[in-house]
């Protein structure tokens, strides 16, 4: 039998069984119980493996010193500390608006907004600081003239902060406003439209430019 491969016992080699793996392990049928219990293969090889063919052993990430310090401070801090810190940030923003008085800037002063400085266009937040200044002085029409969407959202933001801070600091169960994703999407879309139309050079949109 010339040209035919023979084995060590001089008989023709048979075709390998498709259900047999290279190492001689028989694969179970797809409907057999052992196949149903078989889980996904474990990751093998890789830089972290002790040698190829064995699962990779990942070491837990050690928390750095700064993160441990922050976690300890948060665990030991009283419950009113976080609301007080947030109130301090809000107070700093209000103090900046009152001290800087953005309504009395020189006519030829450079804009503080980077987008307006480089392009001459109002950004989505342009006029917000002046609107806050007018709100603090009780002039709501002037505040709405500079950023009426900010004035519209301000009562909701204030109530959300009071409800959250009261719950965290004193355990108050104040009713919280729940906004659906649809409502948030509509508000963001309205803000986007407002950001575009306030830069249009035609009346009545020119009245929105600040």
Protein backbone atom coordinates (compact mmCIF):
# COMPACT_ATOMS: atom_id res chain seq x y z
CA UNK A 1 0.00 0.00 0.00
CA UNK A 2 2.27 2.65 -1.31
CA UNK A 3 1.51 6.25 -0.55
CA UNK A 4 -0.76 5.38 2.39
CA UNK A 5 0.24 6.53 5.85
CA UNK A 6 0.53 3.71 8.38
CA UNK A 7 0.63 3.72 12.14
CA UNK A 8 3.04 2.03 14.49
CA UNK A 9 1.03 -1.18 14.20
CA UNK A 10 1.06 -1.07 10.37
CA UNK A 11 -2.59 -0.28 9.81
CA UNK A 12 -4.11 2.70 8.01
CA UNK A 13 -4.60 5.82 10.11
CA UNK A 14 -8.19 6.69 10.65
CA UNK A 15 -9.62 10.20 10.47
CA UNK A 16 -9.74 12.00 13.83
CA UNK A 17 -13.03 12.01 15.63
CA UNK A 18 -14.56 15.52 15.37
CA UNK A 19 -15.93 15.13 18.91
CA UNK A 20 -12.45 14.49 20.31
CA UNK A 21 -10.15 17.33 21.38
CA UNK A 22 -6.45 17.27 20.51
CA UNK A 23 -5.55 15.90 23.95
CA UNK A 24 -7.95 13.00 23.70
CA UNK A 25 -10.78 14.49 25.77
CA UNK A 26 -14.20 13.72 24.35
CA UNK A 27 -16.43 16.76 23.99
CA UNK A 28 -19.96 16.18 25.28
CA UNK A 29 -22.90 16.54 22.98
CA UNK A 30 -24.75 19.83 22.96
CA UNK A 31 -27.81 18.25 24.59
CA UNK A 32 -25.97 16.32 27.28
CA UNK A 33 -26.14 17.44 30.92
CA UNK A 34 -22.39 17.96 31.12
CA UNK A 35 -22.56 20.42 28.24
CA UNK A 36 -25.32 22.37 29.95
CA UNK A 37 -23.29 22.61 33.15
CA UNK A 38 -20.16 23.72 31.40
CA UNK A 39 -19.42 27.39 32.01
CA UNK A 40 -17.50 29.86 29.87
CA UNK A 41 -13.81 29.13 29.44
CA UNK A 42 -11.51 30.78 31.91
CA UNK A 43 -9.07 33.36 30.50
CA UNK A 44 -5.73 31.81 29.83
CA UNK A 45 -2.32 33.16 29.13
CA UNK A 46 -1.59 36.85 29.30
CA UNK A 47 1.06 38.84 31.11
CA UNK A 48 -0.31 38.02 34.57
CA UNK A 49 -0.49 34.27 34.09
CA UNK A 50 2.16 32.16 35.85
CA UNK A 51 2.61 30.17 32.65
CA UNK A 52 0.62 29.83 29.41
CA UNK A 53 -2.52 27.74 29.60
CA UNK A 54 -3.54 28.67 33.16
CA UNK A 55 -6.12 31.27 34.27
CA UNK A 56 -4.89 34.78 34.90
CA UNK A 57 -4.81 35.78 38.58
CA UNK A 58 -5.61 39.49 39.03
CA UNK A 59 -4.41 41.13 42.20
CA UNK A 60 -6.81 43.54 43.99
CA UNK A 61 -5.99 47.21 43.47
CA UNK A 62 -4.54 48.76 46.60
CA UNK A 63 -6.23 51.99 47.68
CA UNK A 64 -3.80 54.90 47.75
CA UNK A 65 -3.12 56.96 50.85
CA UNK A 66 -5.12 60.02 49.77
CA UNK A 67 -8.23 57.94 49.03
CA UNK A 68 -7.96 56.21 52.42
CA UNK A 69 -7.71 59.59 54.12
CA UNK A 70 -10.80 60.90 52.29
CA UNK A 71 -12.77 57.76 53.18
CA UNK A 72 -11.79 58.05 56.84
CA UNK A 73 -12.79 61.71 56.95
CA UNK A 74 -16.12 60.93 55.30
CA UNK A 75 -16.82 58.11 57.76
CA UNK A 76 -15.96 60.23 60.80
CA UNK A 77 -17.56 63.49 59.66
CA UNK A 78 -20.97 64.41 61.08
CA UNK A 79 -23.96 64.06 58.81
CA UNK A 80 -24.31 67.82 58.39
CA UNK A 81 -20.74 68.31 57.14
CA UNK A 82 -21.41 67.58 53.45
CA UNK A 83 -24.52 69.82 53.20
CA UNK A 84 -22.58 72.55 55.01
CA UNK A 85 -19.71 72.24 52.53
CA UNK A 86 -22.16 72.43 49.61
CA UNK A 87 -23.81 75.48 51.18
CA UNK A 88 -20.37 77.05 51.51
CA UNK A 89 -19.76 76.57 47.77
CA UNK A 90 -23.11 78.19 46.99
CA UNK A 91 -22.25 81.04 49.35
CA UNK A 92 -18.92 81.59 47.60
CA UNK A 93 -20.70 81.85 44.25
CA UNK A 94 -23.19 84.36 45.65
CA UNK A 95 -20.40 86.38 47.25
CA UNK A 96 -18.48 86.48 43.98
CA UNK A 97 -21.56 87.77 42.13
CA UNK A 98 -22.14 90.48 44.75
CA UNK A 99 -18.53 91.62 45.02
CA UNK A 100 -17.68 91.56 41.32
CA UNK A 101 -20.94 93.31 40.30
CA UNK A 102 -20.88 92.11 36.66
CA UNK A 103 -23.50 94.71 35.69
CA UNK A 104 -21.01 97.59 36.08
CA UNK A 105 -18.23 96.42 33.76
CA UNK A 106 -16.69 98.91 31.36
CA UNK A 107 -18.16 98.97 27.82
CA UNK A 108 -14.77 98.11 26.30
CA UNK A 109 -13.92 95.46 28.90
CA UNK A 110 -12.91 92.05 27.56
CA UNK A 111 -15.50 89.29 28.13
CA UNK A 112 -14.69 86.78 30.83
CA UNK A 113 -16.28 83.98 28.78
CA UNK A 114 -13.70 82.25 26.59
CA UNK A 115 -16.20 81.48 23.80
CA UNK A 116 -17.44 85.07 23.67
CA UNK A 117 -13.90 86.40 23.82
CA UNK A 118 -12.78 84.32 20.83
CA UNK A 119 -15.95 84.24 18.70
CA UNK A 120 -18.15 87.08 19.92
CA UNK A 121 -21.04 84.63 20.50
CA UNK A 122 -22.97 84.10 23.70
CA UNK A 123 -22.34 80.69 25.25
CA UNK A 124 -25.19 78.72 26.88
CA UNK A 125 -24.30 80.21 30.28
CA UNK A 126 -23.57 83.82 29.27
CA UNK A 127 -25.54 86.23 31.43
CA UNK A 128 -26.01 83.80 34.30
CA UNK A 129 -23.82 85.73 36.75
CA UNK A 130 -25.60 88.98 35.93
CA UNK A 131 -28.97 87.25 36.24
CA UNK A 132 -27.96 85.99 39.70
CA UNK A 133 -26.88 89.51 40.69
CA UNK A 134 -30.26 90.90 39.67
CA UNK A 135 -32.09 88.10 41.52
CA UNK A 136 -30.17 88.90 44.69
CA UNK A 137 -31.27 92.52 44.30
CA UNK A 138 -34.91 91.60 43.63
CA UNK A 139 -34.99 92.69 39.98
CA UNK A 140 -36.53 89.63 38.31
CA UNK A 141 -37.33 91.28 34.93
CA UNK A 142 -33.70 92.32 34.50
CA UNK A 143 -32.56 88.86 35.60
CA UNK A 144 -34.87 87.20 33.07
CA UNK A 145 -33.61 89.58 30.40
CA UNK A 146 -30.07 88.25 30.87
CA UNK A 147 -30.85 84.52 31.21
CA UNK A 148 -34.52 83.61 31.61
CA UNK A 149 -33.85 79.84 31.51
CA UNK A 150 -31.62 80.21 34.56
CA UNK A 151 -34.38 82.14 36.34
CA UNK A 152 -36.88 79.44 35.36
CA UNK A 153 -34.70 76.64 36.75
CA UNK A 154 -33.55 78.49 39.88
CA UNK A 155 -36.60 77.67 42.11
CA UNK A 156 -36.37 73.97 41.23
CA UNK A 157 -32.62 73.90 41.94
CA UNK A 158 -33.12 75.69 45.25
CA UNK A 159 -35.83 73.26 46.38
CA UNK A 160 -33.77 70.23 45.36
CA UNK A 161 -30.87 71.54 47.42
CA UNK A 162 -33.06 72.27 50.47
CA UNK A 163 -34.70 68.82 50.31
CA UNK A 164 -31.36 67.05 49.93
CA UNK A 165 -29.55 69.07 52.60
CA UNK A 166 -32.44 68.79 55.07
CA UNK A 167 -32.54 65.03 54.63
CA UNK A 168 -28.78 64.60 55.00
CA UNK A 169 -28.29 67.00 57.89
CA UNK A 170 -31.48 66.72 59.94
CA UNK A 171 -33.34 63.72 58.54
CA UNK A 172 -36.19 65.84 57.15
CA UNK A 173 -38.51 63.95 54.84
CA UNK A 174 -39.31 66.78 52.47
CA UNK A 175 -41.02 65.86 49.19
CA UNK A 176 -38.45 65.66 46.44
CA UNK A 177 -39.12 66.60 42.84
CA UNK A 178 -38.70 63.68 40.47
CA UNK A 179 -37.79 64.57 36.90
CA UNK A 180 -38.27 61.93 34.22
CA UNK A 181 -35.65 61.55 31.50
CA UNK A 182 -38.17 62.99 29.03
CA UNK A 183 -38.55 66.19 31.06
CA UNK A 184 -34.79 66.55 31.38
CA UNK A 185 -34.38 65.97 27.65
CA UNK A 186 -36.99 68.64 26.83
CA UNK A 187 -35.26 71.14 29.12
CA UNK A 188 -31.84 70.45 27.58
CA UNK A 189 -33.31 70.76 24.09
CA UNK A 190 -34.91 74.11 25.03
CA UNK A 191 -31.58 75.28 26.43
CA UNK A 192 -29.88 74.31 23.17
CA UNK A 193 -32.45 76.22 21.09
CA UNK A 194 -32.11 79.22 23.41
CA UNK A 195 -28.32 79.13 23.01
CA UNK A 196 -28.72 79.33 19.22
CA UNK A 197 -31.51 81.89 18.83
CA UNK A 198 -29.90 84.37 21.27
CA UNK A 199 -27.05 84.76 18.75
CA UNK A 200 -29.25 85.38 15.69
CA UNK A 201 -28.76 88.90 14.29
CA UNK A 202 -32.45 89.58 13.62
CA UNK A 203 -35.21 91.04 15.71
CA UNK A 204 -36.65 89.95 18.12
CA UNK A 205 -33.74 87.59 18.81
CA UNK A 206 -31.29 90.48 19.19
CA UNK A 207 -32.99 91.32 22.50
CA UNK A 208 -31.66 88.04 23.93
CA UNK A 209 -28.01 88.89 23.22
CA UNK A 210 -26.10 89.89 26.34
